[in-house]
PDB file of N, CA and C in Angstrom:
ATOM      1  N   MET A   1     -63.305 128.738-122.951  1.00  0.00           N
ATOM      2  CA  MET A   1     -64.485 128.247-122.308  1.00  0.00           C
ATOM      3  C   MET A   1     -64.823 126.845-122.795  1.00  0.00           C
ATOM      4  N   ARG A   2     -64.671 126.661-124.108  1.00  0.00           N
ATOM      5  CA  ARG A   2     -64.960 125.358-124.688  1.00  0.00           C
ATOM      6  C   ARG A   2     -64.007 124.310-124.134  1.00  0.00           C
ATOM      7  N   LYS A   3     -62.740 124.684-123.943  1.00  0.00           N
ATOM      8  CA  LYS A   3     -61.746 123.758-123.415  1.00  0.00           C
ATOM      9  C   LYS A   3     -62.105 123.361-121.981  1.00  0.00           C
ATOM     10  N   LEU A   4     -62.643 124.295-121.202  1.00  0.00           N
ATOM     11  CA  LEU A   4     -63.046 124.023-119.829  1.00  0.00           C
ATOM     12  C   LEU A   4     -64.219 123.048-119.802  1.00  0.00           C
ATOM     13  N   ASN A   5     -65.177 123.234-120.703  1.00  0.00           N
ATOM     14  CA  ASN A   5     -66.331 122.335-120.767  1.00  0.00           C
ATOM     15  C   ASN A   5     -65.904 120.916-121.133  1.00  0.00           C
ATOM     16  N   VAL A   6     -65.005 120.789-122.064  1.00  0.00           N
ATOM     17  CA  VAL A   6     -64.510 119.468-122.464  1.00  0.00           C
ATOM     18  C   VAL A   6     -63.778 118.817-121.293  1.00  0.00           C
ATOM     19  N   SER A   7     -62.989 119.593-120.582  1.00  0.00           N
ATOM     20  CA  SER A   7     -62.261 119.060-119.424  1.00  0.00           C
ATOM     21  C   SER A   7     -63.229 118.608-118.334  1.00  0.00           C
ATOM     22  N   LEU A   8     -64.258 119.399-118.065  1.00  0.00           N
ATOM     23  CA  LEU A   8     -65.252 119.023-117.058  1.00  0.00           C
ATOM     24  C   LEU A   8     -66.012 117.766-117.471  1.00  0.00           C
ATOM     25  N   LEU A   9     -66.361 117.674-118.727  1.00  0.00           N
ATOM     26  CA  LEU A   9     -67.066 116.498-119.234  1.00  0.00           C
ATOM     27  C   LEU A   9     -66.185 115.259-119.114  1.00  0.00           C
ATOM     28  N   ALA A  10     -64.923 115.380-119.454  1.00  0.00           N
ATOM     29  CA  ALA A  10     -63.994 114.252-119.346  1.00  0.00           C
ATOM     30  C   ALA A  10     -63.841 113.828-117.891  1.00  0.00           C
ATOM     31  N   ALA A  11     -63.720 114.789-116.988  1.00  0.00           N
ATOM     32  CA  ALA A  11     -63.584 114.472-115.566  1.00  0.00           C
ATOM     33  C   ALA A  11     -64.839 113.785-115.041  1.00  0.00           C
ATOM     34  N   ALA A  12     -65.993 114.246-115.479  1.00  0.00           N
ATOM     35  CA  ALA A  12     -67.257 113.645-115.045  1.00  0.00           C
ATOM     36  C   ALA A  12     -67.365 112.206-115.539  1.00  0.00           C
ATOM     37  N   LEU A  13     -66.972 111.959-116.779  1.00  0.00           N
ATOM     38  CA  LEU A  13     -67.018 110.600-117.328  1.00  0.00           C
ATOM     39  C   LEU A  13     -66.061 109.673-116.589  1.00  0.00           C
ATOM     40  N   ILE A  14     -64.892 110.175-116.255  1.00  0.00           N
ATOM     41  CA  ILE A  14     -63.920 109.362-115.516  1.00  0.00           C
ATOM     42  C   ILE A  14     -64.454 109.053-114.119  1.00  0.00           C
ATOM     43  N   ALA A  15     -65.096 110.034-113.497  1.00  0.00           N
ATOM     44  CA  ALA A  15     -65.615 109.843-112.144  1.00  0.00           C
ATOM     45  C   ALA A  15     -66.787 108.868-112.115  1.00  0.00           C
ATOM     46  N   ILE A  16     -67.601 108.865-113.145  1.00  0.00           N
ATOM     47  CA  ILE A  16     -68.798 108.023-113.149  1.00  0.00           C
ATOM     48  C   ILE A  16     -68.532 106.621-113.709  1.00  0.00           C
ATOM     49  N   ALA A  17     -67.406 106.405-114.345  1.00  0.00           N
ATOM     50  CA  ALA A  17     -67.098 105.107-114.960  1.00  0.00           C
ATOM     51  C   ALA A  17     -67.175 103.944-113.965  1.00  0.00           C
ATOM     52  N   PRO A  18     -66.587 104.044-112.766  1.00  0.00           N
ATOM     53  CA  PRO A  18     -66.689 102.914-111.826  1.00  0.00           C
ATOM     54  C   PRO A  18     -68.135 102.607-111.413  1.00  0.00           C
ATOM     55  N   VAL A  19     -68.948 103.642-111.271  1.00  0.00           N
ATOM     56  CA  VAL A  19     -70.354 103.438-110.906  1.00  0.00           C
ATOM     57  C   VAL A  19     -71.075 102.691-112.022  1.00  0.00           C
ATOM     58  N   LEU A  20     -70.816 103.071-113.250  1.00  0.00           N
ATOM     59  CA  LEU A  20     -71.437 102.390-114.384  1.00  0.00           C
ATOM     60  C   LEU A  20     -70.962 100.943-114.481  1.00  0.00           C
ATOM     61  N   ALA A  21     -69.711 100.709-114.178  1.00  0.00           N
ATOM     62  CA  ALA A  21     -69.185  99.344-114.220  1.00  0.00           C
ATOM     63  C   ALA A  21     -69.880  98.476-113.181  1.00  0.00           C
ATOM     64  N   LEU A  22     -70.098  99.003-111.988  1.00  0.00           N
ATOM     65  CA  LEU A  22     -70.797  98.246-110.945  1.00  0.00           C
ATOM     66  C   LEU A  22     -72.240  97.964-111.343  1.00  0.00           C
ATOM     67  N   ALA A  23     -72.862  98.911-112.023  1.00  0.00           N
ATOM     68  CA  ALA A  23     -74.248  98.728-112.436  1.00  0.00           C
ATOM     69  C   ALA A  23     -74.376  97.625-113.481  1.00  0.00           C
ATOM     70  N   GLN A  24     -73.314  97.334-114.204  1.00  0.00           N
ATOM     71  CA  GLN A  24     -73.329  96.316-115.243  1.00  0.00           C
ATOM     72  C   GLN A  24     -73.248  94.903-114.680  1.00  0.00           C
ATOM     73  N   GLU A  25     -72.738  94.756-113.438  1.00  0.00           N
ATOM     74  CA  GLU A  25     -72.576  93.422-112.866  1.00  0.00           C
ATOM     75  C   GLU A  25     -73.935  92.796-112.611  1.00  0.00           C
ATOM     76  N   HIS A  26     -74.003  91.488-112.820  1.00  0.00           N
ATOM     77  CA  HIS A  26     -75.239  90.763-112.568  1.00  0.00           C
ATOM     78  C   HIS A  26     -75.322  90.423-111.086  1.00  0.00           C
ATOM     79  N   PRO A  27     -76.468  90.605-110.484  1.00  0.00           N
ATOM     80  CA  PRO A  27     -76.584  90.269-109.059  1.00  0.00           C
ATOM     81  C   PRO A  27     -76.453  88.767-108.840  1.00  0.00           C
ATOM     82  N   GLN A  28     -75.807  88.402-107.741  1.00  0.00           N
ATOM     83  CA  GLN A  28     -75.632  86.993-107.398  1.00  0.00           C
ATOM     84  C   GLN A  28     -76.890  86.500-106.698  1.00  0.00           C
ATOM     85  N   PRO A  29     -77.308  85.266-106.987  1.00  0.00           N
ATOM     86  CA  PRO A  29     -78.479  84.741-106.289  1.00  0.00           C
ATOM     87  C   PRO A  29     -78.179  84.559-104.801  1.00  0.00           C
ATOM     88  N   ALA A  30     -79.211  84.649-104.009  1.00  0.00           N
ATOM     89  CA  ALA A  30     -79.044  84.475-102.562  1.00  0.00           C
ATOM     90  C   ALA A  30     -78.616  83.046-102.266  1.00  0.00           C
ATOM     91  N   PRO A  31     -77.766  82.853-101.264  1.00  0.00           N
ATOM     92  CA  PRO A  31     -77.339  81.493-100.923  1.00  0.00           C
ATOM     93  C   PRO A  31     -78.523  80.656-100.458  1.00  0.00           C
ATOM     94  N   THR A  32     -78.521  79.383-100.839  1.00  0.00           N
ATOM     95  CA  THR A  32     -79.628  78.490-100.490  1.00  0.00           C
ATOM     96  C   THR A  32     -79.241  77.501 -99.418  1.00  0.00           C
ATOM     97  N   GLY A  33     -77.992  77.509 -98.998  1.00  0.00           N
ATOM     98  CA  GLY A  33     -77.550  76.528 -98.017  1.00  0.00           C
ATOM     99  C   GLY A  33     -76.971  75.292 -98.683  1.00  0.00           C
ATOM    100  N   GLU A  34     -77.158  75.172 -99.963  1.00  0.00           N
ATOM    101  CA  GLU A  34     -76.610  74.047-100.707  1.00  0.00           C
ATOM    102  C   GLU A  34     -75.296  74.482-101.340  1.00  0.00           C
ATOM    103  N   SER A  35     -74.396  73.542-101.504  1.00  0.00           N
ATOM    104  CA  SER A  35     -73.107  73.851-102.099  1.00  0.00           C
ATOM    105  C   SER A  35     -72.729  72.754-103.077  1.00  0.00           C
ATOM    106  N   SER A  36     -72.110  73.155-104.159  1.00  0.00           N
ATOM    107  CA  SER A  36     -71.638  72.158-105.116  1.00  0.00           C
ATOM    108  C   SER A  36     -70.260  71.634-104.720  1.00  0.00           C
ATOM    109  N   GLN A  37     -69.662  72.227-103.690  1.00  0.00           N
ATOM    110  CA  GLN A  37     -68.345  71.806-103.230  1.00  0.00           C
ATOM    111  C   GLN A  37     -68.473  70.582-102.331  1.00  0.00           C
ATOM    112  N   PRO A  38     -67.551  69.641-102.441  1.00  0.00           N
ATOM    113  CA  PRO A  38     -67.602  68.480-101.548  1.00  0.00           C
ATOM    114  C   PRO A  38     -67.329  68.903-100.109  1.00  0.00           C
ATOM    115  N   VAL A  39     -67.954  68.184 -99.195  1.00  0.00           N
ATOM    116  CA  VAL A  39     -67.758  68.458 -97.775  1.00  0.00           C
ATOM    117  C   VAL A  39     -66.457  67.798 -97.348  1.00  0.00           C
ATOM    118  N   SER A  40     -65.612  68.530 -96.644  1.00  0.00           N
ATOM    119  CA  SER A  40     -64.316  67.978 -96.252  1.00  0.00           C
ATOM    120  C   SER A  40     -64.460  67.079 -95.030  1.00  0.00           C
ATOM    121  N   ASP A  41     -63.515  66.161 -94.883  1.00  0.00           N
ATOM    122  CA  ASP A  41     -63.501  65.260 -93.734  1.00  0.00           C
ATOM    123  C   ASP A  41     -63.378  66.043 -92.429  1.00  0.00           C
ATOM    124  N   THR A  42     -62.605  67.112 -92.451  1.00  0.00           N
ATOM    125  CA  THR A  42     -62.443  67.925 -91.247  1.00  0.00           C
ATOM    126  C   THR A  42     -63.769  68.546 -90.840  1.00  0.00           C
ATOM    127  N   TRP A  43     -64.503  69.058 -91.822  1.00  0.00           N
ATOM    128  CA  TRP A  43     -65.806  69.648 -91.536  1.00  0.00           C
ATOM    129  C   TRP A  43     -66.749  68.594 -90.976  1.00  0.00           C
ATOM    130  N   ILE A  44     -66.755  67.403 -91.585  1.00  0.00           N
ATOM    131  CA  ILE A  44     -67.629  66.321 -91.118  1.00  0.00           C
ATOM    132  C   ILE A  44     -67.294  65.966 -89.672  1.00  0.00           C
ATOM    133  N   THR A  45     -66.010  65.786 -89.376  1.00  0.00           N
ATOM    134  CA  THR A  45     -65.593  65.446 -88.012  1.00  0.00           C
ATOM    135  C   THR A  45     -66.076  66.500 -87.020  1.00  0.00           C
ATOM    136  N   THR A  46     -65.869  67.757 -87.354  1.00  0.00           N
ATOM    137  CA  THR A  46     -66.282  68.848 -86.473  1.00  0.00           C
ATOM    138  C   THR A  46     -67.793  68.861 -86.281  1.00  0.00           C
ATOM    139  N   LYS A  47     -68.525  68.683 -87.361  1.00  0.00           N
ATOM    140  CA  LYS A  47     -69.987  68.708 -87.289  1.00  0.00           C
ATOM    141  C   LYS A  47     -70.519  67.525 -86.482  1.00  0.00           C
ATOM    142  N   VAL A  48     -69.972  66.324 -86.707  1.00  0.00           N
ATOM    143  CA  VAL A  48     -70.413  65.148 -85.951  1.00  0.00           C
ATOM    144  C   VAL A  48     -70.138  65.353 -84.466  1.00  0.00           C
ATOM    145  N   LYS A  49     -68.942  65.810 -84.129  1.00  0.00           N
ATOM    146  CA  LYS A  49     -68.586  66.026 -82.720  1.00  0.00           C
ATOM    147  C   LYS A  49     -69.520  67.061 -82.089  1.00  0.00           C
ATOM    148  N   THR A  50     -69.798  68.132 -82.796  1.00  0.00           N
ATOM    149  CA  THR A  50     -70.705  69.165 -82.301  1.00  0.00           C
ATOM    150  C   THR A  50     -72.099  68.601 -82.058  1.00  0.00           C
ATOM    151  N   GLU A  51     -72.585  67.817 -83.011  1.00  0.00           N
ATOM    152  CA  GLU A  51     -73.917  67.221 -82.873  1.00  0.00           C
ATOM    153  C   GLU A  51     -73.961  66.229 -81.712  1.00  0.00           C
ATOM    154  N   LEU A  52     -72.890  65.466 -81.528  1.00  0.00           N
ATOM    155  CA  LEU A  52     -72.842  64.521 -80.407  1.00  0.00           C
ATOM    156  C   LEU A  52     -72.857  65.261 -79.067  1.00  0.00           C
ATOM    157  N   LEU A  53     -72.130  66.364 -78.997  1.00  0.00           N
ATOM    158  CA  LEU A  53     -72.100  67.143 -77.757  1.00  0.00           C
ATOM    159  C   LEU A  53     -73.458  67.781 -77.460  1.00  0.00           C
ATOM    160  N   ALA A  54     -74.203  68.101 -78.505  1.00  0.00           N
ATOM    161  CA  ALA A  54     -75.511  68.735 -78.329  1.00  0.00           C
ATOM    162  C   ALA A  54     -76.634  67.723 -78.108  1.00  0.00           C
ATOM    163  N   ALA A  55     -76.399  66.468 -78.486  1.00  0.00           N
ATOM    164  CA  ALA A  55     -77.453  65.450 -78.402  1.00  0.00           C
ATOM    165  C   ALA A  55     -77.746  65.066 -76.957  1.00  0.00           C
ATOM    166  N   LYS A  56     -79.017  64.843 -76.698  1.00  0.00           N
ATOM    167  CA  LYS A  56     -79.415  64.352 -75.377  1.00  0.00           C
ATOM    168  C   LYS A  56     -79.182  62.853 -75.334  1.00  0.00           C
ATOM    169  N   ASP A  57     -78.913  62.344 -74.186  1.00  0.00           N
ATOM    170  CA  ASP A  57     -78.744  60.901 -73.960  1.00  0.00           C
ATOM    171  C   ASP A  57     -77.518  60.311 -74.644  1.00  0.00           C
ATOM    172  N   VAL A  58     -76.555  61.156 -75.021  1.00  0.00           N
ATOM    173  CA  VAL A  58     -75.290  60.669 -75.583  1.00  0.00           C
ATOM    174  C   VAL A  58     -74.166  61.422 -74.884  1.00  0.00           C
ATOM    175  N   SER A  59     -73.164  60.690 -74.448  1.00  0.00           N
ATOM    176  CA  SER A  59     -72.027  61.333 -73.796  1.00  0.00           C
ATOM    177  C   SER A  59     -70.989  61.697 -74.858  1.00  0.00           C
ATOM    178  N   GLY A  60     -71.196  62.840 -75.511  1.00  0.00           N
ATOM    179  CA  GLY A  60     -70.315  63.276 -76.582  1.00  0.00           C
ATOM    180  C   GLY A  60     -68.873  63.480 -76.159  1.00  0.00           C
ATOM    181  N   LEU A  61     -68.652  63.765 -74.883  1.00  0.00           N
ATOM    182  CA  LEU A  61     -67.283  63.956 -74.398  1.00  0.00           C
ATOM    183  C   LEU A  61     -66.491  62.657 -74.382  1.00  0.00           C
ATOM    184  N   LYS A  62     -67.188  61.537 -74.321  1.00  0.00           N
ATOM    185  CA  LYS A  62     -66.515  60.239 -74.240  1.00  0.00           C
ATOM    186  C   LYS A  62     -66.320  59.590 -75.611  1.00  0.00           C
ATOM    187  N   ILE A  63     -66.770  60.259 -76.668  1.00  0.00           N
ATOM    188  CA  ILE A  63     -66.707  59.677 -78.011  1.00  0.00           C
ATOM    189  C   ILE A  63     -65.697  60.437 -78.861  1.00  0.00           C
ATOM    190  N   ASP A  64     -64.753  59.699 -79.440  1.00  0.00           N
ATOM    191  CA  ASP A  64     -63.796  60.273 -80.388  1.00  0.00           C
ATOM    192  C   ASP A  64     -64.341  60.080 -81.792  1.00  0.00           C
ATOM    193  N   VAL A  65     -64.109  61.069 -82.644  1.00  0.00           N
ATOM    194  CA  VAL A  65     -64.623  61.042 -84.013  1.00  0.00           C
ATOM    195  C   VAL A  65     -63.472  61.249 -84.983  1.00  0.00           C
ATOM    196  N   HIS A  66     -63.371  60.373 -85.962  1.00  0.00           N
ATOM    197  CA  HIS A  66     -62.386  60.507 -87.041  1.00  0.00           C
ATOM    198  C   HIS A  66     -63.113  60.254 -88.355  1.00  0.00           C
ATOM    199  N   THR A  67     -62.715  60.969 -89.403  1.00  0.00           N
ATOM    200  CA  THR A  67     -63.371  60.831 -90.701  1.00  0.00           C
ATOM    201  C   THR A  67     -62.330  60.675 -91.792  1.00  0.00           C
ATOM    202  N   MET A  68     -62.576  59.718 -92.685  1.00  0.00           N
ATOM    203  CA  MET A  68     -61.721  59.538 -93.850  1.00  0.00           C
ATOM    204  C   MET A  68     -62.613  59.229 -95.046  1.00  0.00           C
ATOM    205  N   ASN A  69     -62.536  60.092 -96.056  1.00  0.00           N
ATOM    206  CA  ASN A  69     -63.322  59.943 -97.279  1.00  0.00           C
ATOM    207  C   ASN A  69     -64.811  59.808 -96.989  1.00  0.00           C
ATOM    208  N   GLY A  70     -65.294  60.566 -96.021  1.00  0.00           N
ATOM    209  CA  GLY A  70     -66.714  60.566 -95.695  1.00  0.00           C
ATOM    210  C   GLY A  70     -67.165  59.447 -94.779  1.00  0.00           C
ATOM    211  N   VAL A  71     -66.251  58.551 -94.411  1.00  0.00           N
ATOM    212  CA  VAL A  71     -66.584  57.460 -93.495  1.00  0.00           C
ATOM    213  C   VAL A  71     -66.187  57.891 -92.084  1.00  0.00           C
ATOM    214  N   VAL A  72     -67.179  57.971 -91.205  1.00  0.00           N
ATOM    215  CA  VAL A  72     -66.962  58.416 -89.831  1.00  0.00           C
ATOM    216  C   VAL A  72     -66.704  57.208 -88.946  1.00  0.00           C
ATOM    217  N   SER A  73     -65.618  57.260 -88.186  1.00  0.00           N
ATOM    218  CA  SER A  73     -65.301  56.212 -87.211  1.00  0.00           C
ATOM    219  C   SER A  73     -65.494  56.787 -85.816  1.00  0.00           C
ATOM    220  N   LEU A  74     -66.306  56.092 -85.030  1.00  0.00           N
ATOM    221  CA  LEU A  74     -66.565  56.501 -83.656  1.00  0.00           C
ATOM    222  C   LEU A  74     -65.859  55.538 -82.722  1.00  0.00           C
ATOM    223  N   SER A  75     -65.224  56.069 -81.683  1.00  0.00           N
ATOM    224  CA  SER A  75     -64.566  55.205 -80.700  1.00  0.00           C
ATOM    225  C   SER A  75     -64.703  55.821 -79.320  1.00  0.00           C
ATOM    226  N   GLY A  76     -64.536  54.970 -78.317  1.00  0.00           N
ATOM    227  CA  GLY A  76     -64.628  55.427 -76.942  1.00  0.00           C
ATOM    228  C   GLY A  76     -65.522  54.509 -76.135  1.00  0.00           C
ATOM    229  N   LYS A  77     -65.758  54.893 -74.890  1.00  0.00           N
ATOM    230  CA  LYS A  77     -66.599  54.094 -73.995  1.00  0.00           C
ATOM    231  C   LYS A  77     -67.805  54.924 -73.578  1.00  0.00           C
ATOM    232  N   VAL A  78     -68.972  54.326 -73.750  1.00  0.00           N
ATOM    233  CA  VAL A  78     -70.221  54.985 -73.376  1.00  0.00           C
ATOM    234  C   VAL A  78     -70.944  54.128 -72.341  1.00  0.00           C
ATOM    235  N   ASP A  79     -72.055  54.642 -71.832  1.00  0.00           N
ATOM    236  CA  ASP A  79     -72.748  53.974 -70.736  1.00  0.00           C
ATOM    237  C   ASP A  79     -73.679  52.840 -71.159  1.00  0.00           C
ATOM    238  N   SER A  80     -74.113  52.830 -72.425  1.00  0.00           N
ATOM    239  CA  SER A  80     -75.082  51.805 -72.828  1.00  0.00           C
ATOM    240  C   SER A  80     -75.072  51.589 -74.339  1.00  0.00           C
ATOM    241  N   GLN A  81     -75.673  50.479 -74.756  1.00  0.00           N
ATOM    242  CA  GLN A  81     -75.837  50.193 -76.183  1.00  0.00           C
ATOM    243  C   GLN A  81     -76.750  51.244 -76.821  1.00  0.00           C
ATOM    244  N   THR A  82     -77.688  51.748 -76.051  1.00  0.00           N
ATOM    245  CA  THR A  82     -78.580  52.798 -76.547  1.00  0.00           C
ATOM    246  C   THR A  82     -77.778  54.031 -76.959  1.00  0.00           C
ATOM    247  N   GLN A  83     -76.749  54.375 -76.184  1.00  0.00           N
ATOM    248  CA  GLN A  83     -75.906  55.518 -76.537  1.00  0.00           C
ATOM    249  C   GLN A  83     -75.115  55.247 -77.809  1.00  0.00           C
ATOM    250  N   ILE A  84     -74.686  54.013 -77.999  1.00  0.00           N
ATOM    251  CA  ILE A  84     -73.983  53.652 -79.243  1.00  0.00           C
ATOM    252  C   ILE A  84     -74.917  53.844 -80.426  1.00  0.00           C
ATOM    253  N   ASN A  85     -76.135  53.334 -80.310  1.00  0.00           N
ATOM    254  CA  ASN A  85     -77.112  53.454 -81.394  1.00  0.00           C
ATOM    255  C   ASN A  85     -77.440  54.914 -81.688  1.00  0.00           C
ATOM    256  N   LYS A  86     -77.594  55.701 -80.643  1.00  0.00           N
ATOM    257  CA  LYS A  86     -77.900  57.125 -80.809  1.00  0.00           C
ATOM    258  C   LYS A  86     -76.725  57.855 -81.472  1.00  0.00           C
ATOM    259  N   ALA A  87     -75.501  57.547 -81.055  1.00  0.00           N
ATOM    260  CA  ALA A  87     -74.316  58.184 -81.643  1.00  0.00           C
ATOM    261  C   ALA A  87     -74.217  57.863 -83.133  1.00  0.00           C
ATOM    262  N   LYS A  88     -74.487  56.615 -83.497  1.00  0.00           N
ATOM    263  CA  LYS A  88     -74.464  56.230 -84.915  1.00  0.00           C
ATOM    264  C   LYS A  88     -75.519  57.005 -85.695  1.00  0.00           C
ATOM    265  N   ALA A  89     -76.710  57.118 -85.132  1.00  0.00           N
ATOM    266  CA  ALA A  89     -77.793  57.839 -85.810  1.00  0.00           C
ATOM    267  C   ALA A  89     -77.452  59.315 -85.985  1.00  0.00           C
ATOM    268  N   VAL A  90     -76.876  59.915 -84.956  1.00  0.00           N
ATOM    269  CA  VAL A  90     -76.488  61.329 -85.031  1.00  0.00           C
ATOM    270  C   VAL A  90     -75.456  61.527 -86.139  1.00  0.00           C
ATOM    271  N   ALA A  91     -74.450  60.668 -86.182  1.00  0.00           N
ATOM    272  CA  ALA A  91     -73.390  60.789 -87.194  1.00  0.00           C
ATOM    273  C   ALA A  91     -73.938  60.592 -88.604  1.00  0.00           C
ATOM    274  N   LYS A  92     -74.839  59.634 -88.774  1.00  0.00           N
ATOM    275  CA  LYS A  92     -75.400  59.358 -90.107  1.00  0.00           C
ATOM    276  C   LYS A  92     -76.190  60.537 -90.658  1.00  0.00           C
ATOM    277  N   ASN A  93     -76.728  61.370 -89.782  1.00  0.00           N
ATOM    278  CA  ASN A  93     -77.552  62.491 -90.223  1.00  0.00           C
ATOM    279  C   ASN A  93     -76.755  63.731 -90.606  1.00  0.00           C
ATOM    280  N   VAL A  94     -75.443  63.675 -90.515  1.00  0.00           N
ATOM    281  CA  VAL A  94     -74.607  64.821 -90.878  1.00  0.00           C
ATOM    282  C   VAL A  94     -74.339  64.792 -92.383  1.00  0.00           C
ATOM    283  N   GLN A  95     -74.472  65.952 -93.011  1.00  0.00           N
ATOM    284  CA  GLN A  95     -74.242  66.071 -94.452  1.00  0.00           C
ATOM    285  C   GLN A  95     -72.836  65.604 -94.816  1.00  0.00           C
ATOM    286  N   GLY A  96     -72.728  64.798 -95.863  1.00  0.00           N
ATOM    287  CA  GLY A  96     -71.429  64.348 -96.360  1.00  0.00           C
ATOM    288  C   GLY A  96     -70.988  63.011 -95.806  1.00  0.00           C
ATOM    289  N   VAL A  97     -71.682  62.508 -94.780  1.00  0.00           N
ATOM    290  CA  VAL A  97     -71.308  61.220 -94.188  1.00  0.00           C
ATOM    291  C   VAL A  97     -71.785  60.101 -95.106  1.00  0.00           C
ATOM    292  N   ARG A  98     -70.846  59.268 -95.529  1.00  0.00           N
ATOM    293  CA  ARG A  98     -71.172  58.130 -96.394  1.00  0.00           C
ATOM    294  C   ARG A  98     -71.528  56.897 -95.586  1.00  0.00           C
ATOM    295  N   ASN A  99     -70.806  56.705 -94.488  1.00  0.00           N
ATOM    296  CA  ASN A  99     -71.001  55.521 -93.661  1.00  0.00           C
ATOM    297  C   ASN A  99     -70.484  55.829 -92.260  1.00  0.00           C
ATOM    298  N   VAL A 100     -70.969  55.063 -91.283  1.00  0.00           N
ATOM    299  CA  VAL A 100     -70.520  55.229 -89.901  1.00  0.00           C
ATOM    300  C   VAL A 100     -70.020  53.890 -89.390  1.00  0.00           C
ATOM    301  N   ASP A 101     -68.787  53.880 -88.898  1.00  0.00           N
ATOM    302  CA  ASP A 101     -68.182  52.687 -88.299  1.00  0.00           C
ATOM    303  C   ASP A 101     -68.110  52.929 -86.792  1.00  0.00           C
ATOM    304  N   ALA A 102     -68.906  52.170 -86.050  1.00  0.00           N
ATOM    305  CA  ALA A 102     -68.942  52.346 -84.596  1.00  0.00           C
ATOM    306  C   ALA A 102     -68.337  51.154 -83.870  1.00  0.00           C
ATOM    307  N   LYS A 103     -67.508  50.385 -84.571  1.00  0.00           N
ATOM    308  CA  LYS A 103     -66.873  49.220 -83.928  1.00  0.00           C
ATOM    309  C   LYS A 103     -65.990  49.628 -82.754  1.00  0.00           C
ATOM    310  N   GLY A 104     -65.493  50.843 -82.777  1.00  0.00           N
ATOM    311  CA  GLY A 104     -64.630  51.316 -81.705  1.00  0.00           C
ATOM    312  C   GLY A 104     -65.377  51.815 -80.476  1.00  0.00           C
ATOM    313  N   LEU A 105     -66.707  51.883 -80.568  1.00  0.00           N
ATOM    314  CA  LEU A 105     -67.504  52.291 -79.409  1.00  0.00           C
ATOM    315  C   LEU A 105     -67.833  51.071 -78.567  1.00  0.00           C
ATOM    316  N   MET A 106     -67.619  51.178 -77.273  1.00  0.00           N
ATOM    317  CA  MET A 106     -67.893  50.059 -76.366  1.00  0.00           C
ATOM    318  C   MET A 106     -68.677  50.547 -75.159  1.00  0.00           C
ATOM    319  N   VAL A 107     -69.455  49.632 -74.607  1.00  0.00           N
ATOM    320  CA  VAL A 107     -70.167  49.938 -73.373  1.00  0.00           C
ATOM    321  C   VAL A 107     -69.188  49.744 -72.220  1.00  0.00           C
ATOM    322  N   ALA A 108     -69.039  50.777 -71.409  1.00  0.00           N
ATOM    323  CA  ALA A 108     -68.112  50.716 -70.273  1.00  0.00           C
ATOM    324  C   ALA A 108     -68.661  49.769 -69.211  1.00  0.00           C
ATOM    325  N   LYS A 109     -67.778  48.969 -68.655  1.00  0.00           N
ATOM    326  CA  LYS A 109     -68.185  48.061 -67.575  1.00  0.00           C
ATOM    327  C   LYS A 109     -68.341  48.869 -66.303  1.00  0.00           C
ATOM    328  N   LYS A 110     -69.396  48.569 -65.580  1.00  0.00           N
ATOM    329  CA  LYS A 110     -69.669  49.324 -64.346  1.00  0.00           C
ATOM    330  C   LYS A 110     -69.137  48.626 -63.137  1.00  0.00           C
TER     331      LYS A 110
END
């Protein structure tokens, strides 16, 4: 009988060990939206293009976006200087953008 009790106790300890291990872990803080990781050029390009497509008064389909080391280059033909200015402003507001080069953006001749 004593041997059975020891066996049951050992089995119970083995079964509960993983639960106790999980209880020992410290809870992770909730994400805040901030990251200590650098933003990649690919992410910046995607985000700028998405923002341009969503922006009013900017023809995002006509603007090409390339990013190198956080510097966004915009190129293409738009309808007005106002659209160029708006595209630059949209790109500058994206996280990780260091600078915006819009020399490649031109007003299309009508």
